[in-house]
């Protein structure tokens, strides 16, 4: 029984080993589709919560896709401090979702751009000195900070963008999200890794 389980989860490829083209294409599609959908959805949520126009949403969606795509290309290269030579999926940082909406609502695109540039520079500096700061930025501290950011700013988005329309039941409005959450929990409890991978496909 142990040998069967061990063979079932045996590593098929080493990190520096070339992946077969067909499997590489399937893996790329599995990453590309849900990542693109979530990027556009989160960008639309920020713009809708901030009260900007649909024209700005089109520009922001294009910018988000272009920047994240360029980041993934850069990470796949080996350029000293930039690039790991590996496929690293980049996406919208969910804890910054509400903060971005607040910045866009209060100060417009200029303040949002400033926030993104400053936060990126701070994150880059912290990453270079992460080894010496690991006793300060422990997983517990980082988790608490992320939760505080979400708890303090998420009500702004919920009140402005995630509310049912007039005349519609709140239960029916929340039903798709609750169904997706239940399906994700059930899949995460499965032993088969193939099913667990598809949790990221849920909306």
Protein backbone atom coordinates (compact mmCIF):
# COMPACT_ATOMS: atom_id res chain seq x y z
CA UNK A 1 0.00 0.00 0.00
CA UNK A 2 2.84 2.35 0.85
CA UNK A 3 4.61 1.56 -2.42
CA UNK A 4 1.43 2.23 -4.38
CA UNK A 5 0.92 5.63 -2.71
CA UNK A 6 4.57 6.51 -3.17
CA UNK A 7 4.50 5.61 -6.87
CA UNK A 8 1.29 7.60 -7.34
CA UNK A 9 2.90 10.81 -6.05
CA UNK A 10 6.32 10.21 -7.59
CA UNK A 11 8.00 13.31 -9.06
CA UNK A 12 8.03 13.06 -12.84
CA UNK A 13 10.28 16.00 -13.75
CA UNK A 14 13.21 17.73 -12.09
CA UNK A 15 13.27 21.57 -11.89
CA UNK A 16 15.94 21.93 -14.61
CA UNK A 17 14.50 19.22 -16.86
CA UNK A 18 12.74 20.25 -20.06
CA UNK A 19 9.01 19.67 -20.07
CA UNK A 20 7.43 17.94 -23.13
CA UNK A 21 5.87 20.55 -25.46
CA UNK A 22 2.33 19.16 -25.27
CA UNK A 23 2.33 19.07 -21.48
CA UNK A 24 3.89 22.53 -21.38
CA UNK A 25 1.05 23.91 -23.54
CA UNK A 26 -1.60 22.31 -21.34
CA UNK A 27 0.06 23.69 -18.21
CA UNK A 28 0.29 27.15 -19.78
CA UNK A 29 -3.42 27.12 -20.67
CA UNK A 30 -4.32 25.95 -17.17
CA UNK A 31 -2.41 28.93 -15.76
CA UNK A 32 -3.41 31.46 -18.42
CA UNK A 33 -7.18 31.05 -18.37
CA UNK A 34 -8.00 31.37 -14.65
CA UNK A 35 -5.26 33.95 -14.09
CA UNK A 36 -6.55 36.20 -16.90
CA UNK A 37 -10.15 35.92 -15.71
CA UNK A 38 -9.25 36.76 -12.12
CA UNK A 39 -7.10 39.71 -13.18
CA UNK A 40 -9.88 41.31 -15.24
CA UNK A 41 -12.46 40.57 -12.55
CA UNK A 42 -10.40 42.14 -9.75
CA UNK A 43 -9.55 45.17 -11.89
CA UNK A 44 -13.24 45.63 -12.69
CA UNK A 45 -14.06 45.38 -8.99
CA UNK A 46 -11.58 48.13 -8.14
CA UNK A 47 -12.86 50.45 -10.87
CA UNK A 48 -16.51 49.82 -10.02
CA UNK A 49 -15.93 50.45 -6.31
CA UNK A 50 -14.05 53.68 -7.03
CA UNK A 51 -16.78 55.05 -9.29
CA UNK A 52 -14.61 55.44 -12.41
CA UNK A 53 -16.01 55.17 -15.93
CA UNK A 54 -16.09 52.14 -18.22
CA UNK A 55 -13.49 53.77 -20.46
CA UNK A 56 -11.05 53.80 -17.57
CA UNK A 57 -11.89 50.14 -16.88
CA UNK A 58 -10.80 49.18 -20.41
CA UNK A 59 -7.51 51.03 -19.98
CA UNK A 60 -6.90 49.54 -16.54
CA UNK A 61 -7.68 45.98 -17.67
CA UNK A 62 -5.18 46.32 -20.52
CA UNK A 63 -2.53 47.76 -18.21
CA UNK A 64 -3.00 45.04 -15.59
CA UNK A 65 -2.67 42.28 -18.20
CA UNK A 66 0.38 43.91 -19.79
CA UNK A 67 2.21 44.47 -16.50
CA UNK A 68 1.53 41.00 -15.11
CA UNK A 69 2.51 39.39 -18.43
CA UNK A 70 5.77 41.35 -18.51
CA UNK A 71 6.44 40.36 -14.90
CA UNK A 72 6.02 36.68 -15.70
CA UNK A 73 8.36 37.00 -18.69
CA UNK A 74 10.92 38.79 -16.52
CA UNK A 75 10.70 36.11 -13.85
CA UNK A 76 11.35 33.40 -16.42
CA UNK A 77 14.72 34.97 -17.26
CA UNK A 78 17.93 34.98 -15.23
CA UNK A 79 19.02 38.60 -14.85
CA UNK A 80 20.92 38.72 -11.57
CA UNK A 81 18.47 40.13 -9.01
CA UNK A 82 15.62 40.12 -11.53
CA UNK A 83 14.32 36.82 -12.73
CA UNK A 84 14.51 33.38 -11.19
CA UNK A 85 14.57 31.33 -14.37
CA UNK A 86 11.30 29.71 -13.30
CA UNK A 87 7.63 30.14 -14.13
CA UNK A 88 6.18 32.32 -11.38
CA UNK A 89 2.54 33.28 -11.76
CA UNK A 90 1.85 36.93 -11.00
CA UNK A 91 -1.57 38.21 -10.15
CA UNK A 92 -3.43 41.04 -8.45
CA UNK A 93 -2.44 41.17 -4.80
CA UNK A 94 -5.79 40.62 -3.09
CA UNK A 95 -4.88 42.44 0.18
CA UNK A 96 -4.24 45.57 -1.93
CA UNK A 97 -7.64 45.29 -3.59
CA UNK A 98 -9.50 47.58 -1.20
CA UNK A 99 -6.53 49.93 -0.76
CA UNK A 100 -6.30 50.38 -4.54
CA UNK A 101 -10.01 51.13 -4.75
CA UNK A 102 -9.71 53.70 -1.97
CA UNK A 103 -6.71 55.37 -3.61
CA UNK A 104 -8.48 55.51 -6.97
CA UNK A 105 -11.64 56.91 -5.37
CA UNK A 106 -9.86 59.57 -3.29
CA UNK A 107 -6.96 60.65 -5.50
CA UNK A 108 -7.72 59.28 -8.94
CA UNK A 109 -5.33 57.43 -11.26
CA UNK A 110 -2.36 59.53 -10.13
CA UNK A 111 -2.60 58.44 -6.52
CA UNK A 112 -3.16 54.83 -7.55
CA UNK A 113 -0.07 54.87 -9.77
CA UNK A 114 1.99 56.40 -6.95
CA UNK A 115 0.76 53.75 -4.53
CA UNK A 116 1.72 50.96 -6.92
CA UNK A 117 5.21 52.34 -7.59
CA UNK A 118 5.99 53.00 -3.91
CA UNK A 119 4.65 49.63 -2.74
CA UNK A 120 6.65 47.84 -5.45
CA UNK A 121 9.87 49.60 -4.46
CA UNK A 122 9.32 48.87 -0.76
CA UNK A 123 8.57 45.24 -1.52
CA UNK A 124 11.71 44.96 -3.66
CA UNK A 125 13.89 46.41 -0.89
CA UNK A 126 12.36 44.10 1.71
CA UNK A 127 12.87 41.10 -0.57
CA UNK A 128 16.60 41.84 -0.90
CA UNK A 129 16.94 41.96 2.90
CA UNK A 130 14.38 39.29 3.69
CA UNK A 131 16.93 36.92 5.22
CA UNK A 132 17.94 39.46 7.88
CA UNK A 133 14.30 40.44 8.56
CA UNK A 134 12.85 36.94 8.87
CA UNK A 135 12.70 37.24 12.67
CA UNK A 136 10.55 40.37 12.36
CA UNK A 137 8.34 39.46 9.40
CA UNK A 138 7.33 36.03 10.59
CA UNK A 139 4.37 34.20 8.98
CA UNK A 140 2.26 35.21 11.97
CA UNK A 141 3.10 38.90 11.66
CA UNK A 142 2.61 38.89 7.89
CA UNK A 143 -0.73 37.10 8.21
CA UNK A 144 -2.00 39.54 10.84
CA UNK A 145 -1.01 42.54 8.70
CA UNK A 146 -2.76 41.11 5.64
CA UNK A 147 -5.92 40.43 7.67
CA UNK A 148 -5.90 43.93 9.17
CA UNK A 149 -5.59 45.51 5.73
CA UNK A 150 -8.49 43.43 4.41
CA UNK A 151 -10.73 43.97 7.44
CA UNK A 152 -10.15 47.72 7.54
CA UNK A 153 -10.67 48.42 3.84
CA UNK A 154 -12.88 45.66 2.43
CA UNK A 155 -16.15 47.19 3.76
CA UNK A 156 -15.58 50.04 1.30
CA UNK A 157 -15.69 47.63 -1.66
CA UNK A 158 -18.53 45.56 -0.24
CA UNK A 159 -20.72 48.63 0.26
CA UNK A 160 -20.02 50.08 -3.18
CA UNK A 161 -19.56 47.13 -5.53
CA UNK A 162 -20.61 43.84 -3.93
CA UNK A 163 -24.23 44.56 -3.17
CA UNK A 164 -27.34 43.04 -4.73
CA UNK A 165 -29.40 45.24 -7.01
CA UNK A 166 -32.70 46.63 -5.84
CA UNK A 167 -35.49 44.09 -6.00
CA UNK A 168 -33.15 41.09 -5.94
CA UNK A 169 -32.83 38.69 -3.03
CA UNK A 170 -29.56 38.70 -1.08
CA UNK A 171 -29.71 34.92 -0.88
CA UNK A 172 -29.74 34.51 -4.66
CA UNK A 173 -26.99 37.11 -4.94
CA UNK A 174 -24.69 35.16 -2.60
CA UNK A 175 -25.64 31.70 -3.92
CA UNK A 176 -22.99 31.47 -6.72
CA UNK A 177 -20.17 32.44 -4.37
CA UNK A 178 -21.31 30.02 -1.68
CA UNK A 179 -21.59 27.22 -4.26
CA UNK A 180 -18.07 27.93 -5.52
CA UNK A 181 -16.76 27.96 -1.94
CA UNK A 182 -18.43 24.64 -1.13
CA UNK A 183 -17.07 23.05 -4.32
CA UNK A 184 -13.57 24.35 -3.52
CA UNK A 185 -13.67 22.90 -0.02
CA UNK A 186 -14.83 19.51 -1.32
CA UNK A 187 -12.12 19.42 -3.98
CA UNK A 188 -9.42 20.43 -1.52
CA UNK A 189 -10.30 17.43 0.64
CA UNK A 190 -9.83 14.99 -2.23
CA UNK A 191 -6.78 12.78 -2.28
CA UNK A 192 -6.38 12.95 -6.05
CA UNK A 193 -4.11 15.87 -6.90
CA UNK A 194 -5.64 16.25 -10.37
CA UNK A 195 -8.96 17.32 -8.82
CA UNK A 196 -7.32 19.57 -6.23
CA UNK A 197 -5.50 21.53 -8.95
CA UNK A 198 -8.83 22.68 -10.42
CA UNK A 199 -9.74 24.65 -7.29
CA UNK A 200 -8.12 27.67 -8.94
CA UNK A 201 -10.62 27.39 -11.81
CA UNK A 202 -13.58 28.22 -9.57
CA UNK A 203 -14.87 31.84 -9.84
